[in-house]
Amino acid sequence: MATKTSKLVQRAQELEDAVVRLFSGVAAAKKKTKKRKAKKAKVVKKAKKAAKKTKKAAKKAVKKARKR
């Protein structure tokens, strides 16, 4: 199990590493870029939720109309 370091400690290590590389002339290590989640998925989820709500409201209205 890997231990999680705090952001401050992580940044300090990065800076220390950068300084060492600066004086030793070693090229910087490639950093993995974080993938961003597509906004499209969120929009679809919201649209589905809204559709579900309207469908539920319509069913409720139909039930009330039938009771009368």
PDB file of N, CA and C in Angstrom:
ATOM      1  N   MET A   1       0.847  -1.192   0.000  1.00  0.00           N
ATOM      2  CA  MET A   1       0.000   0.000   0.000  1.00  0.00           C
ATOM      3  C   MET A   1       0.885   1.247   0.000  1.00  0.00           C
ATOM      4  N   ALA A   2       0.685   2.107  -0.959  1.00  0.00           N
ATOM      5  CA  ALA A   2       1.479   3.323  -1.063  1.00  0.00           C
ATOM      6  C   ALA A   2       0.942   4.384  -0.099  1.00  0.00           C
ATOM      7  N   THR A   3       1.861   5.093   0.542  1.00  0.00           N
ATOM      8  CA  THR A   3       1.427   6.142   1.460  1.00  0.00           C
ATOM      9  C   THR A   3       1.164   7.411   0.677  1.00  0.00           C
ATOM     10  N   LYS A   4       0.135   8.102   1.048  1.00  0.00           N
ATOM     11  CA  LYS A   4      -0.253   9.333   0.354  1.00  0.00           C
ATOM     12  C   LYS A   4       0.444  10.523   1.012  1.00  0.00           C
ATOM     13  N   THR A   5       1.180  11.291   0.203  1.00  0.00           N
ATOM     14  CA  THR A   5       1.867  12.459   0.743  1.00  0.00           C
ATOM     15  C   THR A   5       0.996  13.691   0.563  1.00  0.00           C
ATOM     16  N   SER A   6       1.177  14.631   1.468  1.00  0.00           N
ATOM     17  CA  SER A   6       0.397  15.861   1.395  1.00  0.00           C
ATOM     18  C   SER A   6       0.842  16.685   0.195  1.00  0.00           C
ATOM     19  N   LYS A   7      -0.012  17.584  -0.230  1.00  0.00           N
ATOM     20  CA  LYS A   7       0.277  18.440  -1.390  1.00  0.00           C
ATOM     21  C   LYS A   7       1.548  19.271  -1.152  1.00  0.00           C
ATOM     22  N   LEU A   8       1.711  19.731   0.073  1.00  0.00           N
ATOM     23  CA  LEU A   8       2.866  20.563   0.411  1.00  0.00           C
ATOM     24  C   LEU A   8       4.166  19.768   0.288  1.00  0.00           C
ATOM     25  N   VAL A   9       4.162  18.555   0.830  1.00  0.00           N
ATOM     26  CA  VAL A   9       5.340  17.690   0.773  1.00  0.00           C
ATOM     27  C   VAL A   9       5.643  17.327  -0.675  1.00  0.00           C
ATOM     28  N   GLN A  10       4.588  17.016  -1.419  1.00  0.00           N
ATOM     29  CA  GLN A  10       4.727  16.659  -2.832  1.00  0.00           C
ATOM     30  C   GLN A  10       5.360  17.809  -3.618  1.00  0.00           C
ATOM     31  N   ARG A  11       4.886  19.022  -3.381  1.00  0.00           N
ATOM     32  CA  ARG A  11       5.408  20.209  -4.069  1.00  0.00           C
ATOM     33  C   ARG A  11       6.873  20.452  -3.694  1.00  0.00           C
ATOM     34  N   ALA A  12       7.195  20.263  -2.408  1.00  0.00           N
ATOM     35  CA  ALA A  12       8.565  20.449  -1.939  1.00  0.00           C
ATOM     36  C   ALA A  12       9.498  19.457  -2.631  1.00  0.00           C
ATOM     37  N   GLN A  13       9.039  18.222  -2.783  1.00  0.00           N
ATOM     38  CA  GLN A  13       9.840  17.198  -3.463  1.00  0.00           C
ATOM     39  C   GLN A  13      10.035  17.555  -4.929  1.00  0.00           C
ATOM     40  N   GLU A  14       8.987  18.068  -5.563  1.00  0.00           N
ATOM     41  CA  GLU A  14       9.069  18.471  -6.966  1.00  0.00           C
ATOM     42  C   GLU A  14      10.099  19.587  -7.144  1.00  0.00           C
ATOM     43  N   LEU A  15      10.048  20.574  -6.251  1.00  0.00           N
ATOM     44  CA  LEU A  15      10.981  21.709  -6.324  1.00  0.00           C
ATOM     45  C   LEU A  15      12.420  21.259  -6.087  1.00  0.00           C
ATOM     46  N   GLU A  16      12.598  20.377  -5.115  1.00  0.00           N
ATOM     47  CA  GLU A  16      13.925  19.855  -4.805  1.00  0.00           C
ATOM     48  C   GLU A  16      14.482  19.104  -6.023  1.00  0.00           C
ATOM     49  N   ASP A  17      13.627  18.313  -6.631  1.00  0.00           N
ATOM     50  CA  ASP A  17      13.981  17.546  -7.816  1.00  0.00           C
ATOM     51  C   ASP A  17      14.370  18.477  -8.960  1.00  0.00           C
ATOM     52  N   ALA A  18      13.599  19.562  -9.122  1.00  0.00           N
ATOM     53  CA  ALA A  18      13.852  20.537 -10.180  1.00  0.00           C
ATOM     54  C   ALA A  18      15.204  21.217  -9.983  1.00  0.00           C
ATOM     55  N   VAL A  19      15.527  21.565  -8.745  1.00  0.00           N
ATOM     56  CA  VAL A  19      16.799  22.227  -8.433  1.00  0.00           C
ATOM     57  C   VAL A  19      17.966  21.278  -8.727  1.00  0.00           C
ATOM     58  N   VAL A  20      17.810  20.010  -8.331  1.00  0.00           N
ATOM     59  CA  VAL A  20      18.856  19.012  -8.581  1.00  0.00           C
ATOM     60  C   VAL A  20      19.085  18.865 -10.081  1.00  0.00           C
ATOM     61  N   ARG A  21      17.985  18.796 -10.844  1.00  0.00           N
ATOM     62  CA  ARG A  21      18.080  18.661 -12.299  1.00  0.00           C
ATOM     63  C   ARG A  21      18.718  19.899 -12.934  1.00  0.00           C
ATOM     64  N   LEU A  22      18.414  21.053 -12.356  1.00  0.00           N
ATOM     65  CA  LEU A  22      18.938  22.317 -12.872  1.00  0.00           C
ATOM     66  C   LEU A  22      20.475  22.331 -12.818  1.00  0.00           C
ATOM     67  N   PHE A  23      21.030  21.856 -11.702  1.00  0.00           N
ATOM     68  CA  PHE A  23      22.478  21.872 -11.523  1.00  0.00           C
ATOM     69  C   PHE A  23      23.186  20.670 -12.130  1.00  0.00           C
ATOM     70  N   SER A  24      22.463  19.566 -12.303  1.00  0.00           N
ATOM     71  CA  SER A  24      23.107  18.377 -12.876  1.00  0.00           C
ATOM     72  C   SER A  24      22.954  18.314 -14.397  1.00  0.00           C
ATOM     73  N   GLY A  25      22.048  19.113 -14.937  1.00  0.00           N
ATOM     74  CA  GLY A  25      21.862  19.162 -16.383  1.00  0.00           C
ATOM     75  C   GLY A  25      21.051  18.003 -16.934  1.00  0.00           C
ATOM     76  N   VAL A  26      20.292  17.326 -16.070  1.00  0.00           N
ATOM     77  CA  VAL A  26      19.446  16.206 -16.490  1.00  0.00           C
ATOM     78  C   VAL A  26      18.090  16.754 -16.942  1.00  0.00           C
ATOM     79  N   ALA A  27      17.562  16.210 -18.034  1.00  0.00           N
ATOM     80  CA  ALA A  27      16.263  16.652 -18.550  1.00  0.00           C
ATOM     81  C   ALA A  27      15.136  16.271 -17.590  1.00  0.00           C
ATOM     82  N   ALA A  28      14.092  17.071 -17.596  1.00  0.00           N
ATOM     83  CA  ALA A  28      12.949  16.838 -16.714  1.00  0.00           C
ATOM     84  C   ALA A  28      12.208  15.569 -17.124  1.00  0.00           C
ATOM     85  N   ALA A  29      11.717  14.855 -16.148  1.00  0.00           N
ATOM     86  CA  ALA A  29      10.951  13.638 -16.407  1.00  0.00           C
ATOM     87  C   ALA A  29       9.570  14.014 -16.931  1.00  0.00           C
ATOM     88  N   LYS A  30       9.067  13.240 -17.875  1.00  0.00           N
ATOM     89  CA  LYS A  30       7.735  13.504 -18.437  1.00  0.00           C
ATOM     90  C   LYS A  30       6.680  13.228 -17.373  1.00  0.00           C
ATOM     91  N   LYS A  31       5.754  14.121 -17.261  1.00  0.00           N
ATOM     92  CA  LYS A  31       4.686  13.977 -16.269  1.00  0.00           C
ATOM     93  C   LYS A  31       3.413  13.517 -16.961  1.00  0.00           C
ATOM     94  N   LYS A  32       2.717  12.595 -16.323  1.00  0.00           N
ATOM     95  CA  LYS A  32       1.462  12.102 -16.893  1.00  0.00           C
ATOM     96  C   LYS A  32       0.399  13.192 -16.807  1.00  0.00           C
ATOM     97  N   THR A  33      -0.307  13.396 -17.895  1.00  0.00           N
ATOM     98  CA  THR A  33      -1.372  14.399 -17.878  1.00  0.00           C
ATOM     99  C   THR A  33      -2.674  13.744 -17.468  1.00  0.00           C
ATOM    100  N   LYS A  34      -3.422  14.449 -16.659  1.00  0.00           N
ATOM    101  CA  LYS A  34      -4.711  13.921 -16.206  1.00  0.00           C
ATOM    102  C   LYS A  34      -5.725  14.051 -17.330  1.00  0.00           C
ATOM    103  N   LYS A  35      -6.520  13.012 -17.498  1.00  0.00           N
ATOM    104  CA  LYS A  35      -7.565  13.051 -18.515  1.00  0.00           C
ATOM    105  C   LYS A  35      -8.792  13.719 -17.922  1.00  0.00           C
ATOM    106  N   ARG A  36      -9.361  14.614 -18.706  1.00  0.00           N
ATOM    107  CA  ARG A  36     -10.566  15.301 -18.230  1.00  0.00           C
ATOM    108  C   ARG A  36     -11.797  14.531 -18.656  1.00  0.00           C
ATOM    109  N   LYS A  37     -12.760  14.507 -17.779  1.00  0.00           N
ATOM    110  CA  LYS A  37     -14.025  13.833 -18.097  1.00  0.00           C
ATOM    111  C   LYS A  37     -14.789  14.669 -19.105  1.00  0.00           C
ATOM    112  N   ALA A  38     -15.453  14.002 -19.984  1.00  0.00           N
ATOM    113  CA  ALA A  38     -16.232  14.705 -21.001  1.00  0.00           C
ATOM    114  C   ALA A  38     -17.450  15.347 -20.365  1.00  0.00           C
ATOM    115  N   LYS A  39     -17.711  16.585 -20.745  1.00  0.00           N
ATOM    116  CA  LYS A  39     -18.865  17.299 -20.204  1.00  0.00           C
ATOM    117  C   LYS A  39     -20.158  16.714 -20.752  1.00  0.00           C
ATOM    118  N   LYS A  40     -20.057  16.095 -21.939  1.00  0.00           N
ATOM    119  CA  LYS A  40     -21.215  15.534 -22.625  1.00  0.00           C
ATOM    120  C   LYS A  40     -21.951  14.534 -21.726  1.00  0.00           C
ATOM    121  N   ALA A  41     -21.200  13.700 -21.023  1.00  0.00           N
ATOM    122  CA  ALA A  41     -21.785  12.681 -20.156  1.00  0.00           C
ATOM    123  C   ALA A  41     -22.643  13.318 -19.068  1.00  0.00           C
ATOM    124  N   LYS A  42     -22.158  14.421 -18.509  1.00  0.00           N
ATOM    125  CA  LYS A  42     -22.901  15.117 -17.453  1.00  0.00           C
ATOM    126  C   LYS A  42     -24.198  15.699 -17.999  1.00  0.00           C
ATOM    127  N   VAL A  43     -24.124  16.260 -19.178  1.00  0.00           N
ATOM    128  CA  VAL A  43     -25.301  16.870 -19.798  1.00  0.00           C
ATOM    129  C   VAL A  43     -26.360  15.808 -20.072  1.00  0.00           C
ATOM    130  N   VAL A  44     -25.928  14.665 -20.602  1.00  0.00           N
ATOM    131  CA  VAL A  44     -26.848  13.561 -20.887  1.00  0.00           C
ATOM    132  C   VAL A  44     -27.509  13.083 -19.603  1.00  0.00           C
ATOM    133  N   LYS A  45     -26.715  12.963 -18.542  1.00  0.00           N
ATOM    134  CA  LYS A  45     -27.228  12.514 -17.248  1.00  0.00           C
ATOM    135  C   LYS A  45     -28.309  13.467 -16.733  1.00  0.00           C
ATOM    136  N   LYS A  46     -28.032  14.784 -16.836  1.00  0.00           N
ATOM    137  CA  LYS A  46     -28.998  15.786 -16.374  1.00  0.00           C
ATOM    138  C   LYS A  46     -30.279  15.740 -17.203  1.00  0.00           C
ATOM    139  N   ALA A  47     -30.117  15.569 -18.502  1.00  0.00           N
ATOM    140  CA  ALA A  47     -31.279  15.522 -19.398  1.00  0.00           C
ATOM    141  C   ALA A  47     -32.149  14.311 -19.070  1.00  0.00           C
ATOM    142  N   LYS A  48     -31.505  13.179 -18.824  1.00  0.00           N
ATOM    143  CA  LYS A  48     -32.245  11.957 -18.472  1.00  0.00           C
ATOM    144  C   LYS A  48     -33.002  12.147 -17.159  1.00  0.00           C
ATOM    145  N   LYS A  49     -32.350  12.791 -16.203  1.00  0.00           N
ATOM    146  CA  LYS A  49     -32.974  13.028 -14.895  1.00  0.00           C
ATOM    147  C   LYS A  49     -34.201  13.927 -15.043  1.00  0.00           C
ATOM    148  N   ALA A  50     -34.068  14.960 -15.852  1.00  0.00           N
ATOM    149  CA  ALA A  50     -35.176  15.893 -16.085  1.00  0.00           C
ATOM    150  C   ALA A  50     -36.327  15.176 -16.782  1.00  0.00           C
ATOM    151  N   ALA A  51     -36.005  14.331 -17.745  1.00  0.00           N
ATOM    152  CA  ALA A  51     -37.022  13.580 -18.476  1.00  0.00           C
ATOM    153  C   ALA A  51     -37.770  12.643 -17.530  1.00  0.00           C
ATOM    154  N   LYS A  52     -37.023  12.035 -16.629  1.00  0.00           N
ATOM    155  CA  LYS A  52     -37.616  11.113 -15.651  1.00  0.00           C
ATOM    156  C   LYS A  52     -38.594  11.866 -14.740  1.00  0.00           C
ATOM    157  N   LYS A  53     -38.188  13.061 -14.320  1.00  0.00           N
ATOM    158  CA  LYS A  53     -39.045  13.870 -13.443  1.00  0.00           C
ATOM    159  C   LYS A  53     -40.346  14.252 -14.137  1.00  0.00           C
ATOM    160  N   THR A  54     -40.244  14.670 -15.393  1.00  0.00           N
ATOM    161  CA  THR A  54     -41.451  15.078 -16.118  1.00  0.00           C
ATOM    162  C   THR A  54     -42.366  13.886 -16.361  1.00  0.00           C
ATOM    163  N   LYS A  55     -41.760  12.737 -16.631  1.00  0.00           N
ATOM    164  CA  LYS A  55     -42.536  11.515 -16.839  1.00  0.00           C
ATOM    165  C   LYS A  55     -43.301  11.151 -15.566  1.00  0.00           C
ATOM    166  N   LYS A  56     -42.615  11.280 -14.427  1.00  0.00           N
ATOM    167  CA  LYS A  56     -43.221  10.966 -13.133  1.00  0.00           C
ATOM    168  C   LYS A  56     -44.383  11.921 -12.838  1.00  0.00           C
ATOM    169  N   ALA A  57     -44.167  13.202 -13.140  1.00  0.00           N
ATOM    170  CA  ALA A  57     -45.201  14.212 -12.913  1.00  0.00           C
ATOM    171  C   ALA A  57     -46.408  13.942 -13.802  1.00  0.00           C
ATOM    172  N   ALA A  58     -46.156  13.533 -15.026  1.00  0.00           N
ATOM    173  CA  ALA A  58     -47.246  13.228 -15.959  1.00  0.00           C
ATOM    174  C   ALA A  58     -48.059  12.036 -15.460  1.00  0.00           C
ATOM    175  N   LYS A  59     -47.374  11.020 -14.967  1.00  0.00           N
ATOM    176  CA  LYS A  59     -48.060   9.839 -14.423  1.00  0.00           C
ATOM    177  C   LYS A  59     -48.944  10.225 -13.245  1.00  0.00           C
ATOM    178  N   LYS A  60     -48.421  11.099 -12.391  1.00  0.00           N
ATOM    179  CA  LYS A  60     -49.154  11.556 -11.210  1.00  0.00           C
ATOM    180  C   LYS A  60     -50.429  12.290 -11.640  1.00  0.00           C
ATOM    181  N   ALA A  61     -50.290  13.135 -12.647  1.00  0.00           N
ATOM    182  CA  ALA A  61     -51.433  13.902 -13.165  1.00  0.00           C
ATOM    183  C   ALA A  61     -52.498  12.972 -13.743  1.00  0.00           C
ATOM    184  N   VAL A  62     -52.055  11.954 -14.460  1.00  0.00           N
ATOM    185  CA  VAL A  62     -52.982  10.971 -15.048  1.00  0.00           C
ATOM    186  C   VAL A  62     -53.736  10.226 -13.946  1.00  0.00           C
ATOM    187  N   LYS A  63     -53.013   9.842 -12.905  1.00  0.00           N
ATOM    188  CA  LYS A  63     -53.644   9.131 -11.777  1.00  0.00           C
ATOM    189  C   LYS A  63     -54.714  10.006 -11.107  1.00  0.00           C
ATOM    190  N   LYS A  64     -54.370  11.290 -10.894  1.00  0.00           N
ATOM    191  CA  LYS A  64     -55.327  12.196 -10.287  1.00  0.00           C
ATOM    192  C   LYS A  64     -56.573  12.367 -11.161  1.00  0.00           C
ATOM    193  N   ALA A  65     -56.352  12.469 -12.461  1.00  0.00           N
ATOM    194  CA  ALA A  65     -57.458  12.644 -13.405  1.00  0.00           C
ATOM    195  C   ALA A  65     -58.372  11.410 -13.395  1.00  0.00           C
ATOM    196  N   ARG A  66     -57.777  10.243 -13.284  1.00  0.00           N
ATOM    197  CA  ARG A  66     -58.553   9.000 -13.256  1.00  0.00           C
ATOM    198  C   ARG A  66     -59.407   8.899 -11.996  1.00  0.00           C
ATOM    199  N   LYS A  67     -58.843   9.369 -10.882  1.00  0.00           N
ATOM    200  CA  LYS A  67     -59.564   9.315  -9.603  1.00  0.00           C
ATOM    201  C   LYS A  67     -60.828  10.175  -9.669  1.00  0.00           C
ATOM    202  N   ARG A  68     -60.759  11.286 -10.385  1.00  0.00           N
ATOM    203  CA  ARG A  68     -61.884  12.194 -10.486  1.00  0.00           C
ATOM    204  C   ARG A  68     -62.875  11.593 -11.435  1.00  0.00           C
TER     205      ARG A  68
END
